[in-house]
Amino acid sequence: MIETTKAIVIGTIKFGDTSLIATCYTENGGRKSYLLKGIVASKKSKIKIAYFQPLTLLNITANHNNKGLLNSIREVSVLHQYNSVQTHIKKQTIALFLSEILHSAIKEEEQNASLFQYLETSFLWLDSHDNISNFHLLFLLNLTKYLGFYPEIIDANASFFDLVKGTFTNSPSINSIKRENLLVFKRLLGINFDVLHLVDFNANNRQTILTILMQYFELHMEGFRKPKSLDILKSVFS
C-alpha cells in the first residue's frame, strides 16, 4: 500500500556496501523499516543519506508491505529543518542517545498518534531551546506515560519508590530508591519542558537520575538494551 506519512528517524544500519536499512517511527503506522538501495554511493539520488540522521523529522511517501517486512520509500523530504540538533554537540549526543532508546523501546507497527505527537513536539522543543542539560531525563520519564509504566504518584510522600512496581511505598525492596536519590527523582515528576529550566540539577544529580531511569526501563521492557551511546552522553554531561 502506498502511503504518505510523517516519520521520525530512529536508526540506520549498513546493508551491503552501498545500501542502508532505515528504521522510522511513522505517524500513520508506527515503527517501519525501509531498504534504501544504493544510497551510500549515489550522489544523484533524490533520497539523500543526510535525511536519515538521528531524530530527523521527515515526510515520506512509501510502499508499506505486511508487518515485519522491509518497505521502500518513493519520495522523501525534510519536514522540519533543525537549526541546532545536528550541529550543537550536546544536542547531537542527546539525539543519538534518544534514537537508540526509541529503537529499542518501540516495536509496535501500529498507529499511536499521541506518542508520535509527543516525540515530534519534544524534538522541536529541543531544537529551539538552549537550556537542555536535563532534557533527556524528562523526555525519558515522560516517555513512560506512552509506554505504559509512568510512576504512580498517589503516595509520593512515602519513603521509597519501588522501581519494579512503579509505586511509592514505605516498604523497602532490592529495587527501591530512597533518601537523596528519591528526592532528586521526584523533582522531575509531573512537570513539562516549559518549566524544565527551574530544575537545577548538578552533574552528579544527572548521572543518578539517568542510572535510575535506565534501570526502570530495563525492569519494565523485555529485551530493552542500554544504548551504546550511554557512556558518551554521561561524559558530555559530566
C-alpha atoms as a PDB file:
ATOM      1  CA  MET A   1       0.000   0.000   0.000  1.00  0.00           C
ATOM      2  CA  ILE A   2       1.378   3.400  -0.998  1.00  0.00           C
ATOM      3  CA  GLU A   3       1.057   5.883   1.841  1.00  0.00           C
ATOM      4  CA  THR A   4       2.268   9.372   2.735  1.00  0.00           C
ATOM      5  CA  THR A   5       3.094   9.993   6.386  1.00  0.00           C
ATOM      6  CA  LYS A   6       5.267  11.931   8.771  1.00  0.00           C
ATOM      7  CA  ALA A   7       8.211   9.930  10.106  1.00  0.00           C
ATOM      8  CA  ILE A   8      10.987  10.248  12.693  1.00  0.00           C
ATOM      9  CA  VAL A   9      14.312   8.518  12.068  1.00  0.00           C
ATOM     10  CA  ILE A  10      15.242   6.237  14.970  1.00  0.00           C
ATOM     11  CA  GLY A  11      18.026   4.143  13.459  1.00  0.00           C
ATOM     12  CA  THR A  12      20.067   3.093  10.444  1.00  0.00           C
ATOM     13  CA  ILE A  13      22.325   0.131   9.693  1.00  0.00           C
ATOM     14  CA  LYS A  14      24.569  -0.547   6.714  1.00  0.00           C
ATOM     15  CA  PHE A  15      23.239  -3.124   4.263  1.00  0.00           C
ATOM     16  CA  GLY A  16      25.860  -4.404   1.866  1.00  0.00           C
ATOM     17  CA  ASP A  17      28.382  -1.916   0.511  1.00  0.00           C
ATOM     18  CA  THR A  18      26.054   0.776  -0.788  1.00  0.00           C
ATOM     19  CA  SER A  19      22.681   0.487   0.941  1.00  0.00           C
ATOM     20  CA  LEU A  20      21.066   1.269   4.286  1.00  0.00           C
ATOM     21  CA  ILE A  21      18.160  -0.050   6.289  1.00  0.00           C
ATOM     22  CA  ALA A  22      16.491   2.910   7.995  1.00  0.00           C
ATOM     23  CA  THR A  23      14.043   2.462  10.848  1.00  0.00           C
ATOM     24  CA  CYS A  24      11.490   5.223  11.409  1.00  0.00           C
ATOM     25  CA  TYR A  25       8.604   5.847  13.731  1.00  0.00           C
ATOM     26  CA  THR A  26       5.737   6.927  11.484  1.00  0.00           C
ATOM     27  CA  GLU A  27       2.615   8.895  12.328  1.00  0.00           C
ATOM     28  CA  ASN A  28       0.285   6.581  10.400  1.00  0.00           C
ATOM     29  CA  GLY A  29       1.759   3.153  11.037  1.00  0.00           C
ATOM     30  CA  GLY A  30       4.143   3.089  13.975  1.00  0.00           C
ATOM     31  CA  ARG A  31       7.572   1.543  13.519  1.00  0.00           C
ATOM     32  CA  LYS A  32       8.614   0.849   9.927  1.00  0.00           C
ATOM     33  CA  SER A  33      11.903  -0.219   8.347  1.00  0.00           C
ATOM     34  CA  TYR A  34      12.960   0.797   4.837  1.00  0.00           C
ATOM     35  CA  LEU A  35      15.574  -0.563   2.463  1.00  0.00           C
ATOM     36  CA  LEU A  36      17.404   2.352   0.833  1.00  0.00           C
ATOM     37  CA  LYS A  37      19.224   0.783  -2.089  1.00  0.00           C
ATOM     38  CA  GLY A  38      22.454   2.410  -3.241  1.00  0.00           C
ATOM     39  CA  ILE A  39      22.003   5.471  -1.024  1.00  0.00           C
ATOM     40  CA  VAL A  40      25.566   5.344   0.328  1.00  0.00           C
ATOM     41  CA  ALA A  41      27.236   5.508  -3.083  1.00  0.00           C
ATOM     42  CA  SER A  42      24.787   7.507  -5.197  1.00  0.00           C
ATOM     43  CA  LYS A  43      25.246  11.279  -5.472  1.00  0.00           C
ATOM     44  CA  LYS A  44      22.348  11.772  -7.869  1.00  0.00           C
ATOM     45  CA  SER A  45      19.584  10.023  -5.948  1.00  0.00           C
ATOM     46  CA  LYS A  46      16.676  12.174  -4.767  1.00  0.00           C
ATOM     47  CA  ILE A  47      16.799  10.280  -1.467  1.00  0.00           C
ATOM     48  CA  LYS A  48      19.864  11.609   0.340  1.00  0.00           C
ATOM     49  CA  ILE A  49      21.705   9.863   3.149  1.00  0.00           C
ATOM     50  CA  ALA A  50      21.686  13.162   5.079  1.00  0.00           C
ATOM     51  CA  TYR A  51      17.915  12.804   5.502  1.00  0.00           C
ATOM     52  CA  PHE A  52      18.439   9.854   7.837  1.00  0.00           C
ATOM     53  CA  GLN A  53      20.342  11.418  10.722  1.00  0.00           C
ATOM     54  CA  PRO A  54      19.044  10.541  14.224  1.00  0.00           C
ATOM     55  CA  LEU A  55      15.616  12.049  15.026  1.00  0.00           C
ATOM     56  CA  THR A  56      15.223  13.826  11.671  1.00  0.00           C
ATOM     57  CA  LEU A  57      11.589  14.712  11.023  1.00  0.00           C
ATOM     58  CA  LEU A  58      10.574  13.596   7.547  1.00  0.00           C
ATOM     59  CA  ASN A  59       7.601  13.478   5.244  1.00  0.00           C
ATOM     60  CA  ILE A  60       7.703  10.244   3.253  1.00  0.00           C
ATOM     61  CA  THR A  61       5.706   8.510   0.563  1.00  0.00           C
ATOM     62  CA  ALA A  62       6.359   4.804   0.882  1.00  0.00           C
ATOM     63  CA  ASN A  63       5.177   1.382  -0.177  1.00  0.00           C
ATOM     64  CA  HIS A  64       4.209  -0.293   3.105  1.00  0.00           C
ATOM     65  CA  ASN A  65       4.178  -4.082   2.982  1.00  0.00           C
ATOM     66  CA  ASN A  66       2.936  -6.587   5.523  1.00  0.00           C
ATOM     67  CA  LYS A  67       4.225  -6.292   9.073  1.00  0.00           C
ATOM     68  CA  GLY A  68       7.777  -7.427   9.649  1.00  0.00           C
ATOM     69  CA  LEU A  69       8.927  -6.859   6.059  1.00  0.00           C
ATOM     70  CA  LEU A  70      11.209  -4.177   4.674  1.00  0.00           C
ATOM     71  CA  ASN A  71       9.430  -1.320   2.971  1.00  0.00           C
ATOM     72  CA  SER A  72      10.532   1.031   0.199  1.00  0.00           C
ATOM     73  CA  ILE A  73      10.445   4.824   0.047  1.00  0.00           C
ATOM     74  CA  ARG A  74       9.303   6.540  -3.127  1.00  0.00           C
ATOM     75  CA  GLU A  75       9.648  10.160  -2.069  1.00  0.00           C
ATOM     76  CA  VAL A  76      11.076  11.877   0.992  1.00  0.00           C
ATOM     77  CA  SER A  77      11.528  15.433   2.197  1.00  0.00           C
ATOM     78  CA  VAL A  78      12.631  17.033   5.453  1.00  0.00           C
ATOM     79  CA  LEU A  79       9.530  18.098   7.355  1.00  0.00           C
ATOM     80  CA  HIS A  80      11.418  20.369   9.728  1.00  0.00           C
ATOM     81  CA  GLN A  81      14.979  21.526   9.145  1.00  0.00           C
ATOM     82  CA  TYR A  82      16.627  21.547  12.550  1.00  0.00           C
ATOM     83  CA  ASN A  83      18.578  24.660  13.424  1.00  0.00           C
ATOM     84  CA  SER A  84      20.809  23.134  16.081  1.00  0.00           C
ATOM     85  CA  VAL A  85      20.037  19.470  16.848  1.00  0.00           C
ATOM     86  CA  GLN A  86      22.551  18.200  14.298  1.00  0.00           C
ATOM     87  CA  THR A  87      25.255  20.829  14.895  1.00  0.00           C
ATOM     88  CA  HIS A  88      25.247  21.503  18.669  1.00  0.00           C
ATOM     89  CA  ILE A  89      27.445  18.856  20.351  1.00  0.00           C
ATOM     90  CA  LYS A  90      25.200  18.329  23.377  1.00  0.00           C
ATOM     91  CA  LYS A  91      22.066  18.150  21.240  1.00  0.00           C
ATOM     92  CA  GLN A  92      23.779  15.786  18.791  1.00  0.00           C
ATOM     93  CA  THR A  93      24.646  13.497  21.678  1.00  0.00           C
ATOM     94  CA  ILE A  94      21.100  13.623  23.039  1.00  0.00           C
ATOM     95  CA  ALA A  95      19.681  12.857  19.575  1.00  0.00           C
ATOM     96  CA  LEU A  96      21.931   9.828  19.132  1.00  0.00           C
ATOM     97  CA  PHE A  97      21.127   8.545  22.619  1.00  0.00           C
ATOM     98  CA  LEU A  98      17.362   9.015  22.319  1.00  0.00           C
ATOM     99  CA  SER A  99      17.211   7.475  18.855  1.00  0.00           C
ATOM    100  CA  GLU A 100      18.805   4.335  20.325  1.00  0.00           C
ATOM    101  CA  ILE A 101      16.313   4.373  23.196  1.00  0.00           C
ATOM    102  CA  LEU A 102      13.363   4.621  20.802  1.00  0.00           C
ATOM    103  CA  HIS A 103      14.780   1.934  18.503  1.00  0.00           C
ATOM    104  CA  SER A 104      14.979  -0.454  21.450  1.00  0.00           C
ATOM    105  CA  ALA A 105      11.747   0.557  23.208  1.00  0.00           C
ATOM    106  CA  ILE A 106       9.222   0.928  20.376  1.00  0.00           C
ATOM    107  CA  LYS A 107       8.350  -2.252  18.487  1.00  0.00           C
ATOM    108  CA  GLU A 108       4.685  -1.787  17.533  1.00  0.00           C
ATOM    109  CA  GLU A 109       3.843  -1.414  13.848  1.00  0.00           C
ATOM    110  CA  GLU A 110       0.579   0.343  14.511  1.00  0.00           C
ATOM    111  CA  GLN A 111      -0.600   3.922  14.784  1.00  0.00           C
ATOM    112  CA  ASN A 112      -0.182   5.761  18.069  1.00  0.00           C
ATOM    113  CA  ALA A 113      -0.999   9.385  17.353  1.00  0.00           C
ATOM    114  CA  SER A 114      -0.385  10.632  20.901  1.00  0.00           C
ATOM    115  CA  LEU A 115       3.079   9.055  21.063  1.00  0.00           C
ATOM    116  CA  PHE A 116       4.052  10.478  17.685  1.00  0.00           C
ATOM    117  CA  GLN A 117       2.862  13.931  18.721  1.00  0.00           C
ATOM    118  CA  TYR A 118       4.875  13.682  21.947  1.00  0.00           C
ATOM    119  CA  LEU A 119       8.038  12.777  20.032  1.00  0.00           C
ATOM    120  CA  GLU A 120       7.593  15.469  17.382  1.00  0.00           C
ATOM    121  CA  THR A 121       6.779  18.209  19.908  1.00  0.00           C
ATOM    122  CA  SER A 122       9.678  17.212  22.159  1.00  0.00           C
ATOM    123  CA  PHE A 123      12.290  17.284  19.410  1.00  0.00           C
ATOM    124  CA  LEU A 124      11.085  20.643  18.129  1.00  0.00           C
ATOM    125  CA  TRP A 125      11.408  21.951  21.696  1.00  0.00           C
ATOM    126  CA  LEU A 126      14.953  20.581  21.914  1.00  0.00           C
ATOM    127  CA  ASP A 127      15.873  22.316  18.670  1.00  0.00           C
ATOM    128  CA  SER A 128      14.561  25.701  19.758  1.00  0.00           C
ATOM    129  CA  HIS A 129      15.876  25.932  23.342  1.00  0.00           C
ATOM    130  CA  ASP A 130      19.306  26.410  24.873  1.00  0.00           C
ATOM    131  CA  ASN A 131      18.862  25.113  28.421  1.00  0.00           C
ATOM    132  CA  ILE A 132      18.779  21.431  27.506  1.00  0.00           C
ATOM    133  CA  SER A 133      21.082  19.707  30.028  1.00  0.00           C
ATOM    134  CA  ASN A 134      18.130  17.939  31.680  1.00  0.00           C
ATOM    135  CA  PHE A 135      16.071  17.422  28.524  1.00  0.00           C
ATOM    136  CA  HIS A 136      16.908  13.742  28.051  1.00  0.00           C
ATOM    137  CA  LEU A 137      15.962  12.951  31.657  1.00  0.00           C
ATOM    138  CA  LEU A 138      12.500  14.490  31.488  1.00  0.00           C
ATOM    139  CA  PHE A 139      11.983  13.091  27.989  1.00  0.00           C
ATOM    140  CA  LEU A 140      12.661   9.540  29.197  1.00  0.00           C
ATOM    141  CA  LEU A 141      10.472   9.877  32.276  1.00  0.00           C
ATOM    142  CA  ASN A 142       7.526  11.297  30.338  1.00  0.00           C
ATOM    143  CA  LEU A 143       8.028   8.716  27.576  1.00  0.00           C
ATOM    144  CA  THR A 144       6.995   6.067  30.096  1.00  0.00           C
ATOM    145  CA  LYS A 145       3.462   7.530  30.018  1.00  0.00           C
ATOM    146  CA  TYR A 146       3.146   6.312  26.426  1.00  0.00           C
ATOM    147  CA  LEU A 147       4.902   3.009  27.080  1.00  0.00           C
ATOM    148  CA  GLY A 148       2.610   2.166  29.987  1.00  0.00           C
ATOM    149  CA  PHE A 149       4.729   2.429  33.140  1.00  0.00           C
ATOM    150  CA  TYR A 150       4.780   6.044  34.312  1.00  0.00           C
ATOM    151  CA  PRO A 151       5.240   6.182  38.102  1.00  0.00           C
ATOM    152  CA  GLU A 152       2.085   6.059  40.194  1.00  0.00           C
ATOM    153  CA  ILE A 153       2.299   9.206  42.328  1.00  0.00           C
ATOM    154  CA  ILE A 154      -0.641   8.768  44.726  1.00  0.00           C
ATOM    155  CA  ASP A 155       1.673   8.052  47.704  1.00  0.00           C
ATOM    156  CA  ALA A 156       4.507  10.344  46.615  1.00  0.00           C
ATOM    157  CA  ASN A 157       5.309  11.257  50.234  1.00  0.00           C
ATOM    158  CA  ALA A 158       6.311   7.683  51.069  1.00  0.00           C
ATOM    159  CA  SER A 159       9.926   6.869  51.934  1.00  0.00           C
ATOM    160  CA  PHE A 160      10.749   4.689  48.928  1.00  0.00           C
ATOM    161  CA  PHE A 161       9.987   4.283  45.236  1.00  0.00           C
ATOM    162  CA  ASP A 162       9.774   0.683  44.042  1.00  0.00           C
ATOM    163  CA  LEU A 163      11.167   0.506  40.509  1.00  0.00           C
ATOM    164  CA  VAL A 164       9.553  -2.872  39.814  1.00  0.00           C
ATOM    165  CA  LYS A 165       6.036  -1.884  40.913  1.00  0.00           C
ATOM    166  CA  GLY A 166       6.364   1.738  39.762  1.00  0.00           C
ATOM    167  CA  THR A 167       4.853   2.956  43.023  1.00  0.00           C
ATOM    168  CA  PHE A 168       5.840   4.882  46.133  1.00  0.00           C
ATOM    169  CA  THR A 169       5.872   2.795  49.285  1.00  0.00           C
ATOM    170  CA  ASN A 170       7.045   2.740  52.894  1.00  0.00           C
ATOM    171  CA  SER A 171       8.383  -0.800  52.472  1.00  0.00           C
ATOM    172  CA  PRO A 172      11.944  -1.045  51.065  1.00  0.00           C
ATOM    173  CA  SER A 173      12.931  -3.627  48.458  1.00  0.00           C
ATOM    174  CA  ILE A 174      16.034  -4.573  46.491  1.00  0.00           C
ATOM    175  CA  ASN A 175      14.859  -2.375  43.593  1.00  0.00           C
ATOM    176  CA  SER A 176      13.750   0.684  45.531  1.00  0.00           C
ATOM    177  CA  ILE A 177      15.297   4.153  45.650  1.00  0.00           C
ATOM    178  CA  LYS A 178      15.418   6.280  48.780  1.00  0.00           C
ATOM    179  CA  ARG A 179      16.761   9.348  50.570  1.00  0.00           C
ATOM    180  CA  GLU A 180      18.650  11.812  48.383  1.00  0.00           C
ATOM    181  CA  ASN A 181      18.179   9.764  45.197  1.00  0.00           C
ATOM    182  CA  LEU A 182      14.437   9.713  45.803  1.00  0.00           C
ATOM    183  CA  LEU A 183      14.296  13.476  46.343  1.00  0.00           C
ATOM    184  CA  VAL A 184      16.179  14.121  43.107  1.00  0.00           C
ATOM    185  CA  PHE A 185      13.949  11.701  41.182  1.00  0.00           C
ATOM    186  CA  LYS A 186      10.748  13.327  42.488  1.00  0.00           C
ATOM    187  CA  ARG A 187      11.783  16.747  41.173  1.00  0.00           C
ATOM    188  CA  LEU A 188      11.050  15.562  37.627  1.00  0.00           C
ATOM    189  CA  LEU A 189       7.636  14.094  38.321  1.00  0.00           C
ATOM    190  CA  GLY A 190       4.608  15.889  36.936  1.00  0.00           C
ATOM    191  CA  ILE A 191       6.455  18.644  35.062  1.00  0.00           C
ATOM    192  CA  ASN A 192       6.781  19.527  31.375  1.00  0.00           C
ATOM    193  CA  PHE A 193       9.541  21.064  29.289  1.00  0.00           C
ATOM    194  CA  ASP A 194       8.301  24.620  29.812  1.00  0.00           C
ATOM    195  CA  VAL A 195       9.409  24.564  33.454  1.00  0.00           C
ATOM    196  CA  LEU A 196      12.492  22.397  32.965  1.00  0.00           C
ATOM    197  CA  HIS A 197      14.758  25.424  33.457  1.00  0.00           C
ATOM    198  CA  LEU A 198      13.601  25.556  37.088  1.00  0.00           C
ATOM    199  CA  VAL A 199      15.128  22.132  37.812  1.00  0.00           C
ATOM    200  CA  ASP A 200      18.656  22.871  38.986  1.00  0.00           C
ATOM    201  CA  PHE A 201      20.496  19.550  38.730  1.00  0.00           C
ATOM    202  CA  ASN A 202      24.255  19.251  39.019  1.00  0.00           C
ATOM    203  CA  ALA A 203      26.302  16.659  37.123  1.00  0.00           C
ATOM    204  CA  ASN A 204      26.005  14.084  39.918  1.00  0.00           C
ATOM    205  CA  ASN A 205      22.231  14.523  40.039  1.00  0.00           C
ATOM    206  CA  ARG A 206      22.003  13.911  36.284  1.00  0.00           C
ATOM    207  CA  GLN A 207      24.106  10.761  36.494  1.00  0.00           C
ATOM    208  CA  THR A 208      21.981   9.475  39.360  1.00  0.00           C
ATOM    209  CA  ILE A 209      18.680  10.086  37.565  1.00  0.00           C
ATOM    210  CA  LEU A 210      19.984   8.615  34.321  1.00  0.00           C
ATOM    211  CA  THR A 211      21.093   5.437  36.111  1.00  0.00           C
ATOM    212  CA  ILE A 212      17.682   5.153  37.796  1.00  0.00           C
ATOM    213  CA  LEU A 213      15.828   5.656  34.513  1.00  0.00           C
ATOM    214  CA  MET A 214      17.931   3.063  32.670  1.00  0.00           C
ATOM    215  CA  GLN A 215      17.185   0.541  35.414  1.00  0.00           C
ATOM    216  CA  TYR A 216      13.498   1.464  35.307  1.00  0.00           C
ATOM    217  CA  PHE A 217      13.335   0.846  31.545  1.00  0.00           C
ATOM    218  CA  GLU A 218      15.204  -2.464  31.869  1.00  0.00           C
ATOM    219  CA  LEU A 219      12.801  -3.682  34.550  1.00  0.00           C
ATOM    220  CA  HIS A 220       9.672  -2.780  32.573  1.00  0.00           C
ATOM    221  CA  MET A 221      10.624  -3.518  28.968  1.00  0.00           C
ATOM    222  CA  GLU A 222      11.542  -7.038  27.930  1.00  0.00           C
ATOM    223  CA  GLY A 223      14.620  -7.044  25.728  1.00  0.00           C
ATOM    224  CA  PHE A 224      15.483  -3.408  26.411  1.00  0.00           C
ATOM    225  CA  ARG A 225      19.183  -2.716  25.931  1.00  0.00           C
ATOM    226  CA  LYS A 226      21.168   0.235  27.227  1.00  0.00           C
ATOM    227  CA  PRO A 227      22.252   2.440  24.308  1.00  0.00           C
ATOM    228  CA  LYS A 228      25.835   2.178  23.100  1.00  0.00           C
ATOM    229  CA  SER A 229      25.996   5.970  23.334  1.00  0.00           C
ATOM    230  CA  LEU A 230      25.202   5.978  27.078  1.00  0.00           C
ATOM    231  CA  ASP A 231      28.825   6.472  28.107  1.00  0.00           C
ATOM    232  CA  ILE A 232      29.247   9.293  25.606  1.00  0.00           C
ATOM    233  CA  LEU A 233      26.152  11.004  26.997  1.00  0.00           C
ATOM    234  CA  LYS A 234      27.455  10.665  30.561  1.00  0.00           C
ATOM    235  CA  SER A 235      30.800  12.143  29.509  1.00  0.00           C
ATOM    236  CA  VAL A 236      29.250  15.133  27.712  1.00  0.00           C
ATOM    237  CA  PHE A 237      27.030  15.999  30.683  1.00  0.00           C
ATOM    238  CA  SER A 238      29.534  15.215  33.443  1.00  0.00           C
END
